[in-house]
């Protein structure tokens, strides 16, 4: 079901929604934006979300993609990619900014990574802070964007020793047929979101591109007590060669992907973007934030989706 309704005078789309429960008990959603990161707040998980406006802007930058926010060491840190005004293909690079509150504004922005680096998810375990993000590999057997993981030495600094987490392995992850530099198909594996339930670790990801029929959420998993995430060997579910999406288009929505996860009262929820089935000739962006329950049992994740209810 839709989480944020489109209202007059507000953004008509909510791509790449990231949900966070603030220390004030309210629920915040942050989304992709051309001039900055958009913010929304609600008193309850599925109540009315009030538009906060742009909660992060960086002078001279645009195309703010897929924000993520974490509370650590007494501050809220927002991670997002953006590019400067001198447009260069694949020029998006990772930035971090901070705020004393979840509603911002997030300021003191710093560049963390050079292009191409997108789709952060920062998590904290007993072993410290870790960032999942996506970058490009032009030399792998399936060329394309893939997910890596690096440790942070502090909330604004990466160690600089990323390890691969999720690589393309399926034809359904092809985003541009025959579109790779030097020939071949270009694959896209991005939008990683990590969570842990017991000894099971999960990373949900988006495969392909949001305009493709095969666009989907899949996941990798591992069972271990290890808390240094860089030492975990994640495996695709069900395996590298089988397309079995956690979430993909159905009879009431399409373009479903790029998620975040929240657990409330023992129940997991996926927050993701999707489109209603409309005239595909419409040119404006129309991905909206949606929510559904998710069953979590051992290494099996199951999305429970309805059009107008949870």
Protein backbone atom coordinates (compact mmCIF):
# COMPACT_ATOMS: atom_id res chain seq x y z
CA UNK A 1 0.00 0.00 0.00
CA UNK A 2 1.07 3.59 -0.46
CA UNK A 3 2.87 5.13 2.50
CA UNK A 4 3.03 8.77 1.37
CA UNK A 5 0.24 10.31 -0.66
CA UNK A 6 1.04 12.84 -3.38
CA UNK A 7 -0.34 16.27 -2.43
CA UNK A 8 -0.65 19.58 -4.23
CA UNK A 9 2.48 21.69 -3.88
CA UNK A 10 4.64 18.77 -2.77
CA UNK A 11 6.90 16.40 -4.69
CA UNK A 12 4.86 14.05 -6.85
CA UNK A 13 7.31 11.19 -6.34
CA UNK A 14 9.30 9.63 -3.51
CA UNK A 15 12.11 7.59 -5.08
CA UNK A 16 14.43 5.47 -2.91
CA UNK A 17 12.55 5.95 0.39
CA UNK A 18 14.61 5.46 3.54
CA UNK A 19 12.66 5.13 6.80
CA UNK A 20 13.96 5.91 10.29
CA UNK A 21 12.34 6.06 13.72
CA UNK A 22 13.80 9.09 15.47
CA UNK A 23 14.65 9.42 19.14
CA UNK A 24 11.50 11.55 19.41
CA UNK A 25 9.38 8.50 18.56
CA UNK A 26 8.34 9.91 15.17
CA UNK A 27 8.86 8.28 11.79
CA UNK A 28 10.97 9.94 9.12
CA UNK A 29 11.24 9.13 5.43
CA UNK A 30 14.01 10.60 3.25
CA UNK A 31 13.89 10.44 -0.54
CA UNK A 32 15.89 11.19 -3.68
CA UNK A 33 15.63 14.72 -5.10
CA UNK A 34 17.12 16.83 -7.86
CA UNK A 35 18.13 19.81 -5.71
CA UNK A 36 18.49 18.03 -2.40
CA UNK A 37 17.10 15.32 -0.14
CA UNK A 38 13.39 15.51 0.67
CA UNK A 39 12.11 14.73 4.16
CA UNK A 40 8.76 13.60 5.59
CA UNK A 41 7.59 12.96 9.15
CA UNK A 42 4.66 11.15 10.76
CA UNK A 43 3.59 10.48 14.35
CA UNK A 44 2.83 6.86 13.44
CA UNK A 45 4.28 4.35 10.99
CA UNK A 46 1.40 4.48 8.52
CA UNK A 47 -0.18 7.80 9.51
CA UNK A 48 -0.18 11.01 7.50
CA UNK A 49 3.32 12.09 6.53
CA UNK A 50 4.01 15.82 6.66
CA UNK A 51 6.42 17.20 4.08
CA UNK A 52 9.49 18.81 5.67
CA UNK A 53 10.96 20.22 2.47
CA UNK A 54 14.61 19.80 1.53
CA UNK A 55 16.47 18.61 4.60
CA UNK A 56 19.86 18.53 2.84
CA UNK A 57 21.23 20.85 0.16
CA UNK A 58 24.84 21.23 -0.94
CA UNK A 59 25.82 24.30 -2.91
CA UNK A 60 26.83 23.48 -6.47
CA UNK A 61 25.47 19.92 -6.32
CA UNK A 62 22.39 18.18 -7.71
CA UNK A 63 20.96 14.69 -8.31
CA UNK A 64 20.84 13.66 -4.66
CA UNK A 65 20.30 9.91 -4.76
CA UNK A 66 19.15 7.33 -2.24
CA UNK A 67 19.77 8.93 1.17
CA UNK A 68 20.37 6.94 4.35
CA UNK A 69 20.33 8.26 7.93
CA UNK A 70 21.79 6.77 11.11
CA UNK A 71 21.90 8.04 14.69
CA UNK A 72 25.29 7.48 16.32
CA UNK A 73 27.60 9.25 18.73
CA UNK A 74 24.92 11.79 19.62
CA UNK A 75 24.16 12.98 16.07
CA UNK A 76 22.14 12.07 13.02
CA UNK A 77 24.29 11.44 9.95
CA UNK A 78 22.91 11.48 6.44
CA UNK A 79 24.72 9.69 3.63
CA UNK A 80 23.81 10.32 -0.01
CA UNK A 81 25.39 10.60 -3.43
CA UNK A 82 25.24 13.68 -5.62
CA UNK A 83 27.16 15.30 -8.44
CA UNK A 84 28.48 18.78 -9.11
CA UNK A 85 27.32 21.18 -11.81
CA UNK A 86 30.04 20.14 -14.27
CA UNK A 87 28.11 17.12 -15.50
CA UNK A 88 30.16 14.00 -16.10
CA UNK A 89 28.52 10.62 -16.80
CA UNK A 90 28.68 8.45 -13.67
CA UNK A 91 29.81 11.51 -11.75
CA UNK A 92 27.82 10.75 -8.59
CA UNK A 93 29.91 10.51 -5.43
CA UNK A 94 29.21 9.86 -1.76
CA UNK A 95 28.73 12.64 0.77
CA UNK A 96 27.91 12.79 4.47
CA UNK A 97 26.23 15.58 6.45
CA UNK A 98 25.05 15.81 10.05
CA UNK A 99 22.29 17.25 12.23
CA UNK A 100 21.29 17.30 15.87
CA UNK A 101 17.75 16.33 14.88
CA UNK A 102 16.20 13.87 12.41
CA UNK A 103 14.32 16.67 10.65
CA UNK A 104 17.49 18.58 9.82
CA UNK A 105 18.71 20.62 8.24
CA UNK A 106 21.73 18.39 7.62
CA UNK A 107 24.83 20.54 7.24
CA UNK A 108 28.65 20.39 7.22
CA UNK A 109 28.59 18.17 4.16
CA UNK A 110 31.81 16.33 3.28
CA UNK A 111 32.73 14.19 0.30
CA UNK A 112 33.58 10.63 1.33
CA UNK A 113 34.19 8.87 -2.00
CA UNK A 114 35.02 9.73 -5.57
CA UNK A 115 32.70 8.85 -8.46
CA UNK A 116 31.09 6.42 -9.06
CA UNK A 117 29.64 5.71 -5.60
CA UNK A 118 25.93 5.56 -4.80
CA UNK A 119 23.23 4.01 -2.61
CA UNK A 120 24.73 3.99 0.89
CA UNK A 121 23.49 2.02 3.85
CA UNK A 122 25.40 2.61 7.07
CA UNK A 123 24.91 0.24 10.00
CA UNK A 124 26.47 -0.15 13.44
CA UNK A 125 27.37 -3.46 15.07
CA UNK A 126 29.50 -4.45 18.06
CA UNK A 127 32.46 -4.25 15.66
CA UNK A 128 31.82 -0.65 14.62
CA UNK A 129 30.31 1.24 11.71
CA UNK A 130 30.03 -0.19 8.21
CA UNK A 131 28.85 1.19 4.88
CA UNK A 132 27.30 -0.77 2.04
CA UNK A 133 27.34 1.09 -1.26
CA UNK A 134 27.39 0.48 -5.00
CA UNK A 135 30.10 1.17 -7.55
CA UNK A 136 31.05 -0.02 -11.04
CA UNK A 137 33.19 -2.91 -12.23
CA UNK A 138 34.09 -2.89 -15.94
CA UNK A 139 36.22 -6.03 -15.78
CA UNK A 140 34.02 -8.60 -14.05
CA UNK A 141 32.52 -11.33 -16.24
CA UNK A 142 29.12 -9.65 -15.83
CA UNK A 143 30.01 -5.97 -16.16
CA UNK A 144 28.03 -3.49 -14.15
CA UNK A 145 27.16 -1.86 -10.86
CA UNK A 146 27.58 -4.03 -7.79
CA UNK A 147 27.49 -3.79 -3.99
CA UNK A 148 30.57 -3.45 -1.80
CA UNK A 149 31.13 -2.98 1.93
CA UNK A 150 33.69 -0.94 3.83
CA UNK A 151 34.33 -0.13 7.47
CA UNK A 152 34.22 3.43 8.83
CA UNK A 153 36.88 4.71 11.20
CA UNK A 154 34.41 7.40 12.31
CA UNK A 155 30.98 8.46 10.99
CA UNK A 156 32.57 10.61 8.27
CA UNK A 157 35.58 8.53 7.20
CA UNK A 158 35.83 5.23 5.37
CA UNK A 159 38.73 2.85 5.92
CA UNK A 160 39.20 2.59 2.16
CA UNK A 161 39.34 -1.19 1.86
CA UNK A 162 35.97 -2.25 0.36
CA UNK A 163 35.05 -5.90 -0.16
CA UNK A 164 32.50 -7.24 -2.67
CA UNK A 165 29.14 -8.29 -1.23
CA UNK A 166 26.73 -8.76 -4.15
CA UNK A 167 27.74 -9.17 -7.79
CA UNK A 168 25.49 -9.62 -10.83
CA UNK A 169 24.79 -13.25 -11.68
CA UNK A 170 21.40 -13.19 -13.44
CA UNK A 171 20.15 -12.07 -16.84
CA UNK A 172 17.27 -10.42 -14.95
CA UNK A 173 19.87 -8.03 -13.47
CA UNK A 174 20.73 -6.65 -16.91
CA UNK A 175 19.78 -2.97 -17.03
CA UNK A 176 21.24 -2.08 -20.46
CA UNK A 177 21.48 -4.89 -23.02
CA UNK A 178 24.65 -4.45 -25.07
CA UNK A 179 25.30 -1.28 -23.08
CA UNK A 180 28.62 -2.06 -21.45
CA UNK A 181 31.79 -0.20 -22.32
CA UNK A 182 33.73 -2.39 -24.73
CA UNK A 183 30.72 -4.54 -25.50
CA UNK A 184 28.39 -6.86 -23.65
CA UNK A 185 25.45 -6.29 -21.34
CA UNK A 186 25.47 -3.86 -18.42
CA UNK A 187 24.08 -5.17 -15.13
CA UNK A 188 22.86 -3.23 -12.12
CA UNK A 189 22.88 -4.47 -8.52
CA UNK A 190 22.35 -1.59 -6.10
CA UNK A 191 20.34 -0.17 -3.19
CA UNK A 192 21.64 -2.48 -0.46
CA UNK A 193 19.87 -2.58 2.92
CA UNK A 194 21.25 -4.73 5.75
CA UNK A 195 19.47 -6.09 8.80
CA UNK A 196 19.97 -8.94 11.25
CA UNK A 197 17.51 -11.30 12.92
CA UNK A 198 19.13 -13.68 15.39
CA UNK A 199 22.15 -15.25 13.75
CA UNK A 200 20.82 -14.58 10.25
CA UNK A 201 22.19 -11.57 8.37
CA UNK A 202 20.34 -10.25 5.31
CA UNK A 203 21.14 -7.70 2.61
CA UNK A 204 18.21 -6.80 0.34
CA UNK A 205 19.14 -5.26 -3.01
CA UNK A 206 17.58 -3.95 -6.22
CA UNK A 207 18.36 -5.69 -9.49
CA UNK A 208 18.15 -4.21 -13.01
CA UNK A 209 16.59 -0.74 -13.59
CA UNK A 210 13.26 0.61 -12.35
CA UNK A 211 11.87 0.91 -15.88
CA UNK A 212 12.51 -2.75 -16.71
CA UNK A 213 9.96 -5.54 -16.36
CA UNK A 214 12.48 -7.64 -14.47
CA UNK A 215 13.25 -4.93 -11.87
CA UNK A 216 13.08 -6.56 -8.48
CA UNK A 217 14.20 -6.84 -4.89
CA UNK A 218 16.36 -9.84 -4.13
CA UNK A 219 18.52 -10.65 -1.14
CA UNK A 220 21.62 -12.35 0.11
CA UNK A 221 21.97 -13.96 3.52
CA UNK A 222 24.39 -15.59 5.92
CA UNK A 223 24.10 -17.41 9.25
CA UNK A 224 26.86 -16.47 11.65
CA UNK A 225 27.57 -14.79 14.99
CA UNK A 226 30.25 -12.64 13.31
CA UNK A 227 29.76 -8.90 13.87
CA UNK A 228 32.55 -7.65 11.57
CA UNK A 229 30.41 -7.51 8.44
CA UNK A 230 33.45 -7.43 6.14
CA UNK A 231 34.23 -11.01 7.20
CA UNK A 232 30.82 -12.45 6.30
CA UNK A 233 30.31 -14.46 3.11
CA UNK A 234 26.80 -13.65 1.90
CA UNK A 235 24.95 -15.98 -0.48
CA UNK A 236 22.16 -15.10 -2.89
CA UNK A 237 18.76 -16.58 -2.23
CA UNK A 238 17.98 -19.13 -3.49
CA UNK A 239 21.24 -19.28 -5.47
CA UNK A 240 23.27 -17.33 -8.01
CA UNK A 241 21.43 -18.78 -11.00
CA UNK A 242 17.75 -18.52 -10.03
CA UNK A 243 15.51 -15.47 -10.39
CA UNK A 244 13.15 -15.65 -7.41
CA UNK A 245 12.42 -12.07 -6.37
CA UNK A 246 11.42 -11.03 -2.89
CA UNK A 247 9.39 -8.26 -4.49
CA UNK A 248 8.63 -7.43 -8.12
CA UNK A 249 5.77 -6.02 -10.17
CA UNK A 250 2.36 -7.58 -9.63
CA UNK A 251 -1.20 -6.86 -10.75
CA UNK A 252 -1.45 -3.45 -9.02
CA UNK A 253 2.06 -1.93 -9.03
CA UNK A 254 5.24 -1.95 -11.09
CA UNK A 255 8.74 -0.49 -10.87
CA UNK A 256 9.01 -1.84 -7.33
CA UNK A 257 12.41 -1.67 -5.68
CA UNK A 258 15.02 0.21 -3.66
CA UNK A 259 13.90 -0.50 -0.15
CA UNK A 260 14.55 0.12 3.50
CA UNK A 261 13.32 -2.00 6.41
CA UNK A 262 11.87 -1.18 9.82
CA UNK A 263 10.84 -3.48 12.66
CA UNK A 264 7.90 -2.46 14.83
CA UNK A 265 6.40 -4.50 17.68
CA UNK A 266 8.15 -7.62 16.40
CA UNK A 267 6.90 -7.17 12.82
CA UNK A 268 9.13 -6.34 9.84
CA UNK A 269 8.03 -3.87 7.16
CA UNK A 270 9.58 -3.11 3.77
CA UNK A 271 9.40 0.50 2.57
CA UNK A 272 10.02 0.74 -1.18
CA UNK A 273 9.11 2.75 -4.26
CA UNK A 274 6.74 1.71 -7.00
CA UNK A 275 4.38 3.00 -9.67
CA UNK A 276 0.70 2.51 -10.30
CA UNK A 277 -0.09 1.07 -13.71
CA UNK A 278 -0.54 4.25 -15.75
CA UNK A 279 0.18 5.41 -19.26
CA UNK A 280 3.88 4.69 -19.73
CA UNK A 281 4.10 7.65 -22.10
CA UNK A 282 3.88 10.00 -19.12
CA UNK A 283 7.29 11.56 -18.80
CA UNK A 284 7.28 12.82 -15.23
CA UNK A 285 8.70 10.86 -12.32
CA UNK A 286 5.96 8.94 -10.50
CA UNK A 287 7.60 6.47 -8.14
CA UNK A 288 5.86 6.74 -4.78
CA UNK A 289 6.76 5.39 -1.34
CA UNK A 290 4.96 2.18 -0.42
CA UNK A 291 4.97 -0.26 2.48
CA UNK A 292 4.24 -3.93 3.11
CA UNK A 293 4.84 -6.49 5.82
CA UNK A 294 7.69 -8.96 5.52
CA UNK A 295 7.81 -12.40 7.09
CA UNK A 296 11.30 -13.39 8.29
CA UNK A 297 11.98 -17.06 9.04
CA UNK A 298 15.49 -18.48 9.01
CA UNK A 299 16.86 -17.72 5.52
CA UNK A 300 13.41 -17.14 3.97
CA UNK A 301 12.06 -13.60 3.49
CA UNK A 302 8.50 -13.20 2.20
CA UNK A 303 6.84 -9.91 1.22
CA UNK A 304 3.12 -9.73 2.11
CA UNK A 305 1.61 -7.10 -0.20
CA UNK A 306 -1.83 -5.55 -0.59
CA UNK A 307 -2.94 -2.62 -2.68
CA UNK A 308 -4.72 -0.63 0.05
CA UNK A 309 -3.86 -2.20 3.40
CA UNK A 310 -1.03 -3.80 5.34
